[in-house]
Amino acid sequence: MVKVDDPEGTIILDELVVAESAQRRGIAKLLISCIYSIIPAIKQIALYVRPTNMQAQAAYLAYGFAPRKIENATCSKNWCYFVYDSDSEHLLQDAAQGIAVRE
């Protein structure tokens, strides 16, 4: 699920699940890239990942997401926060170039 967090162009990627049998095939990257095909003016994509989900964290880092600090101590124990900044990263936008969106 994707939510537009604010009028500044930040998208919150609320939940992304890829079946275990389909992981490590680029599906998550493709799905996230589709956001740029639908809403090209996005400034940032933000998401939370469980600290125990090292595979997802490694994937998001490879896609250009950067870890950010969570101020809430309770939240920071249960989640890792990552942000993709569209002005400094281009991997996902480049991947979106070949995606056709039906209107």
N, C-alpha and C. Protein backbone atom coordinates (compact mmCIF):
# COMPACT_ATOMS: atom_id res chain seq x y z
N MET A 1 0.84 -1.16 0.00
CA MET A 1 0.00 0.00 0.00
C MET A 1 0.89 1.23 0.00
N VAL A 2 0.50 2.21 -0.77
CA VAL A 2 1.25 3.46 -0.88
C VAL A 2 0.35 4.59 -0.41
N LYS A 3 0.90 5.48 0.42
CA LYS A 3 0.15 6.64 0.89
C LYS A 3 0.94 7.89 0.55
N VAL A 4 0.24 8.93 0.09
CA VAL A 4 0.88 10.23 -0.10
C VAL A 4 0.87 10.90 1.25
N ASP A 5 2.07 11.12 1.80
CA ASP A 5 2.20 11.61 3.17
C ASP A 5 1.97 13.10 3.29
N ASP A 6 2.43 13.85 2.34
CA ASP A 6 2.29 15.30 2.44
C ASP A 6 2.32 15.92 1.05
N PRO A 7 1.91 17.17 0.96
CA PRO A 7 1.89 17.82 -0.36
C PRO A 7 3.29 18.11 -0.90
N GLU A 8 4.32 17.87 -0.11
CA GLU A 8 5.69 18.11 -0.55
C GLU A 8 6.20 17.01 -1.46
N GLY A 9 5.45 15.93 -1.59
CA GLY A 9 5.86 14.87 -2.51
C GLY A 9 6.50 13.67 -1.86
N THR A 10 6.27 13.46 -0.57
CA THR A 10 6.79 12.26 0.09
C THR A 10 5.74 11.16 0.05
N ILE A 11 6.15 10.00 -0.41
CA ILE A 11 5.29 8.83 -0.46
C ILE A 11 5.73 7.89 0.66
N ILE A 12 4.77 7.38 1.41
CA ILE A 12 5.06 6.37 2.42
C ILE A 12 4.70 5.01 1.83
N LEU A 13 5.69 4.17 1.71
CA LEU A 13 5.44 2.81 1.26
C LEU A 13 5.09 2.02 2.51
N ASP A 14 3.81 1.82 2.70
CA ASP A 14 3.28 1.29 3.96
C ASP A 14 3.49 -0.21 4.09
N GLU A 15 3.36 -0.93 2.99
CA GLU A 15 3.50 -2.38 3.06
C GLU A 15 3.88 -2.91 1.68
N LEU A 16 4.94 -3.67 1.65
CA LEU A 16 5.37 -4.31 0.41
C LEU A 16 5.76 -5.75 0.76
N VAL A 17 5.04 -6.68 0.19
CA VAL A 17 5.30 -8.08 0.47
C VAL A 17 5.49 -8.81 -0.85
N VAL A 18 6.58 -9.53 -0.95
CA VAL A 18 6.84 -10.38 -2.11
C VAL A 18 6.90 -11.81 -1.59
N ALA A 19 6.14 -12.69 -2.20
CA ALA A 19 6.13 -14.09 -1.77
C ALA A 19 7.56 -14.63 -1.72
N GLU A 20 7.83 -15.42 -0.72
CA GLU A 20 9.19 -15.94 -0.52
C GLU A 20 9.69 -16.66 -1.77
N SER A 21 8.81 -17.38 -2.45
CA SER A 21 9.22 -18.12 -3.65
C SER A 21 9.56 -17.20 -4.82
N ALA A 22 9.15 -15.93 -4.73
CA ALA A 22 9.41 -14.97 -5.81
C ALA A 22 10.46 -13.93 -5.45
N GLN A 23 11.05 -14.05 -4.28
CA GLN A 23 12.05 -13.07 -3.86
C GLN A 23 13.36 -13.23 -4.63
N ARG A 24 14.14 -12.14 -4.63
CA ARG A 24 15.45 -12.08 -5.29
C ARG A 24 15.35 -12.18 -6.81
N ARG A 25 14.24 -11.66 -7.34
CA ARG A 25 14.05 -11.62 -8.79
C ARG A 25 13.82 -10.20 -9.29
N GLY A 26 13.94 -9.22 -8.42
CA GLY A 26 13.74 -7.83 -8.82
C GLY A 26 12.30 -7.36 -8.77
N ILE A 27 11.42 -8.16 -8.18
CA ILE A 27 10.00 -7.80 -8.15
C ILE A 27 9.76 -6.58 -7.26
N ALA A 28 10.38 -6.54 -6.09
CA ALA A 28 10.20 -5.38 -5.19
C ALA A 28 10.70 -4.11 -5.86
N LYS A 29 11.84 -4.18 -6.50
CA LYS A 29 12.37 -3.00 -7.21
C LYS A 29 11.41 -2.56 -8.31
N LEU A 30 10.87 -3.51 -9.05
CA LEU A 30 9.91 -3.19 -10.11
C LEU A 30 8.67 -2.52 -9.54
N LEU A 31 8.14 -3.07 -8.45
CA LEU A 31 6.94 -2.50 -7.84
C LEU A 31 7.18 -1.08 -7.34
N ILE A 32 8.32 -0.86 -6.69
CA ILE A 32 8.63 0.48 -6.19
C ILE A 32 8.84 1.44 -7.36
N SER A 33 9.50 0.97 -8.40
CA SER A 33 9.74 1.81 -9.59
C SER A 33 8.43 2.24 -10.24
N CYS A 34 7.42 1.37 -10.18
CA CYS A 34 6.12 1.71 -10.76
C CYS A 34 5.53 2.98 -10.16
N ILE A 35 5.87 3.26 -8.92
CA ILE A 35 5.38 4.49 -8.28
C ILE A 35 5.82 5.70 -9.10
N TYR A 36 7.04 5.69 -9.61
CA TYR A 36 7.55 6.81 -10.42
C TYR A 36 6.85 6.90 -11.77
N SER A 37 6.36 5.77 -12.28
CA SER A 37 5.61 5.82 -13.54
C SER A 37 4.25 6.46 -13.34
N ILE A 38 3.68 6.26 -12.16
CA ILE A 38 2.35 6.79 -11.86
C ILE A 38 2.43 8.24 -11.36
N ILE A 39 3.40 8.52 -10.49
CA ILE A 39 3.55 9.86 -9.89
C ILE A 39 5.01 10.29 -10.07
N PRO A 40 5.38 10.80 -11.24
CA PRO A 40 6.78 11.12 -11.52
C PRO A 40 7.38 12.23 -10.65
N ALA A 41 6.56 13.07 -10.06
CA ALA A 41 7.09 14.22 -9.29
C ALA A 41 7.40 13.89 -7.84
N ILE A 42 7.47 12.65 -7.48
CA ILE A 42 7.77 12.26 -6.10
C ILE A 42 9.12 12.83 -5.69
N LYS A 43 9.18 13.38 -4.49
CA LYS A 43 10.46 13.87 -3.95
C LYS A 43 11.16 12.80 -3.13
N GLN A 44 10.37 12.03 -2.35
CA GLN A 44 10.95 10.98 -1.50
C GLN A 44 9.99 9.81 -1.38
N ILE A 45 10.58 8.64 -1.17
CA ILE A 45 9.81 7.47 -0.77
C ILE A 45 10.37 7.05 0.58
N ALA A 46 9.49 6.92 1.56
CA ALA A 46 9.90 6.52 2.90
C ALA A 46 9.25 5.19 3.25
N LEU A 47 9.94 4.40 4.06
CA LEU A 47 9.39 3.11 4.48
C LEU A 47 10.03 2.67 5.79
N TYR A 48 9.35 1.76 6.45
CA TYR A 48 9.85 1.16 7.68
C TYR A 48 10.04 -0.33 7.45
N VAL A 49 11.08 -0.88 8.07
CA VAL A 49 11.40 -2.30 7.94
C VAL A 49 11.73 -2.83 9.34
N ARG A 50 11.32 -4.03 9.61
CA ARG A 50 11.68 -4.65 10.89
C ARG A 50 13.21 -4.81 10.97
N PRO A 51 13.79 -4.59 12.14
CA PRO A 51 15.25 -4.75 12.27
C PRO A 51 15.73 -6.16 11.98
N THR A 52 14.86 -7.13 12.13
CA THR A 52 15.24 -8.52 11.87
C THR A 52 15.19 -8.90 10.39
N ASN A 53 14.61 -8.04 9.56
CA ASN A 53 14.48 -8.33 8.13
C ASN A 53 15.70 -7.79 7.38
N MET A 54 16.81 -8.47 7.57
CA MET A 54 18.08 -8.02 6.98
C MET A 54 18.07 -8.10 5.46
N GLN A 55 17.35 -9.07 4.90
CA GLN A 55 17.28 -9.20 3.44
C GLN A 55 16.61 -7.97 2.83
N ALA A 56 15.51 -7.52 3.41
CA ALA A 56 14.82 -6.34 2.89
C ALA A 56 15.68 -5.10 3.07
N GLN A 57 16.33 -4.97 4.21
CA GLN A 57 17.20 -3.81 4.44
C GLN A 57 18.31 -3.75 3.40
N ALA A 58 18.93 -4.88 3.11
CA ALA A 58 20.00 -4.92 2.10
C ALA A 58 19.45 -4.54 0.72
N ALA A 59 18.26 -5.01 0.40
CA ALA A 59 17.67 -4.68 -0.89
C ALA A 59 17.40 -3.18 -0.99
N TYR A 60 16.79 -2.59 0.04
CA TYR A 60 16.49 -1.16 0.01
C TYR A 60 17.77 -0.32 -0.09
N LEU A 61 18.82 -0.73 0.60
CA LEU A 61 20.10 -0.01 0.48
C LEU A 61 20.63 -0.11 -0.95
N ALA A 62 20.50 -1.28 -1.57
CA ALA A 62 20.95 -1.47 -2.95
C ALA A 62 20.13 -0.62 -3.93
N TYR A 63 18.86 -0.35 -3.61
CA TYR A 63 18.01 0.47 -4.47
C TYR A 63 18.29 1.96 -4.30
N GLY A 64 19.09 2.33 -3.30
CA GLY A 64 19.41 3.74 -3.09
C GLY A 64 18.74 4.37 -1.88
N PHE A 65 18.01 3.58 -1.10
CA PHE A 65 17.43 4.10 0.14
C PHE A 65 18.55 4.32 1.16
N ALA A 66 18.37 5.32 2.01
CA ALA A 66 19.34 5.60 3.06
C ALA A 66 18.66 5.47 4.42
N PRO A 67 19.35 4.88 5.39
CA PRO A 67 18.75 4.78 6.72
C PRO A 67 18.66 6.16 7.37
N ARG A 68 17.59 6.37 8.10
CA ARG A 68 17.38 7.62 8.83
C ARG A 68 17.05 7.30 10.28
N LYS A 69 17.36 8.21 11.15
CA LYS A 69 17.11 8.02 12.58
C LYS A 69 15.63 8.21 12.90
N ILE A 70 15.12 7.37 13.78
CA ILE A 70 13.76 7.50 14.30
C ILE A 70 13.86 8.11 15.68
N GLU A 71 13.17 9.22 15.90
CA GLU A 71 13.25 9.93 17.18
C GLU A 71 12.52 9.20 18.31
N ASN A 72 11.41 8.55 18.01
CA ASN A 72 10.62 7.86 19.03
C ASN A 72 11.35 6.59 19.45
N ALA A 73 11.73 6.50 20.74
CA ALA A 73 12.53 5.37 21.23
C ALA A 73 11.80 4.04 21.08
N THR A 74 10.51 4.00 21.36
CA THR A 74 9.75 2.76 21.23
C THR A 74 9.70 2.31 19.78
N CYS A 75 9.45 3.24 18.89
CA CYS A 75 9.38 2.93 17.47
C CYS A 75 10.75 2.47 16.95
N SER A 76 11.81 3.11 17.39
CA SER A 76 13.14 2.77 16.88
C SER A 76 13.59 1.38 17.30
N LYS A 77 13.02 0.83 18.37
CA LYS A 77 13.34 -0.54 18.77
C LYS A 77 12.70 -1.57 17.84
N ASN A 78 11.57 -1.20 17.25
CA ASN A 78 10.80 -2.14 16.45
C ASN A 78 10.93 -1.94 14.95
N TRP A 79 11.47 -0.81 14.53
CA TRP A 79 11.52 -0.49 13.11
C TRP A 79 12.82 0.19 12.72
N CYS A 80 13.21 -0.01 11.48
CA CYS A 80 14.29 0.75 10.84
C CYS A 80 13.61 1.62 9.78
N TYR A 81 14.05 2.86 9.66
CA TYR A 81 13.43 3.83 8.77
C TYR A 81 14.38 4.12 7.61
N PHE A 82 13.88 4.02 6.38
CA PHE A 82 14.68 4.27 5.19
C PHE A 82 13.98 5.30 4.30
N VAL A 83 14.78 6.14 3.64
CA VAL A 83 14.23 7.16 2.74
C VAL A 83 15.01 7.13 1.43
N TYR A 84 14.28 7.17 0.34
CA TYR A 84 14.86 7.30 -1.00
C TYR A 84 14.64 8.74 -1.42
N ASP A 85 15.70 9.48 -1.66
CA ASP A 85 15.62 10.89 -2.05
C ASP A 85 15.77 11.00 -3.56
N SER A 86 14.69 11.42 -4.22
CA SER A 86 14.66 11.47 -5.68
C SER A 86 15.66 12.46 -6.29
N ASP A 87 16.06 13.46 -5.52
CA ASP A 87 17.02 14.43 -6.04
C ASP A 87 18.44 13.89 -6.06
N SER A 88 18.76 12.96 -5.17
CA SER A 88 20.14 12.47 -5.12
C SER A 88 20.29 11.04 -5.67
N GLU A 89 19.20 10.33 -5.81
CA GLU A 89 19.24 8.97 -6.35
C GLU A 89 18.40 8.90 -7.62
N HIS A 90 18.77 8.00 -8.53
CA HIS A 90 18.03 7.90 -9.80
C HIS A 90 17.76 6.47 -10.25
N LEU A 91 18.20 5.50 -9.48
CA LEU A 91 18.06 4.11 -9.88
C LEU A 91 16.60 3.72 -10.11
N LEU A 92 15.71 4.09 -9.19
CA LEU A 92 14.31 3.71 -9.33
C LEU A 92 13.63 4.46 -10.47
N GLN A 93 13.96 5.73 -10.64
CA GLN A 93 13.38 6.50 -11.74
C GLN A 93 13.83 5.91 -13.08
N ASP A 94 15.11 5.55 -13.17
CA ASP A 94 15.63 4.96 -14.40
C ASP A 94 14.93 3.63 -14.70
N ALA A 95 14.69 2.83 -13.66
CA ALA A 95 14.00 1.56 -13.84
C ALA A 95 12.56 1.77 -14.30
N ALA A 96 11.97 2.89 -13.92
CA ALA A 96 10.57 3.18 -14.27
C ALA A 96 10.42 3.61 -15.72
N GLN A 97 11.50 3.98 -16.38
CA GLN A 97 11.42 4.51 -17.75
C GLN A 97 10.72 3.55 -18.71
N GLY A 98 10.93 2.26 -18.54
CA GLY A 98 10.33 1.31 -19.48
C GLY A 98 8.96 0.78 -19.07
N ILE A 99 8.40 1.33 -17.99
CA ILE A 99 7.12 0.83 -17.50
C ILE A 99 6.00 1.66 -18.09
N ALA A 100 5.09 1.00 -18.78
CA ALA A 100 3.94 1.68 -19.36
C ALA A 100 2.77 1.63 -18.37
N VAL A 101 2.14 2.77 -18.17
CA VAL A 101 1.00 2.85 -17.25
C VAL A 101 -0.26 3.09 -18.06
N ARG A 102 -1.26 2.26 -17.85
CA ARG A 102 -2.54 2.44 -18.54
C ARG A 102 -3.37 3.48 -17.80
N GLU A 103 -4.08 4.29 -18.57
CA GLU A 103 -4.94 5.30 -17.96
C GLU A 103 -6.38 4.90 -18.10
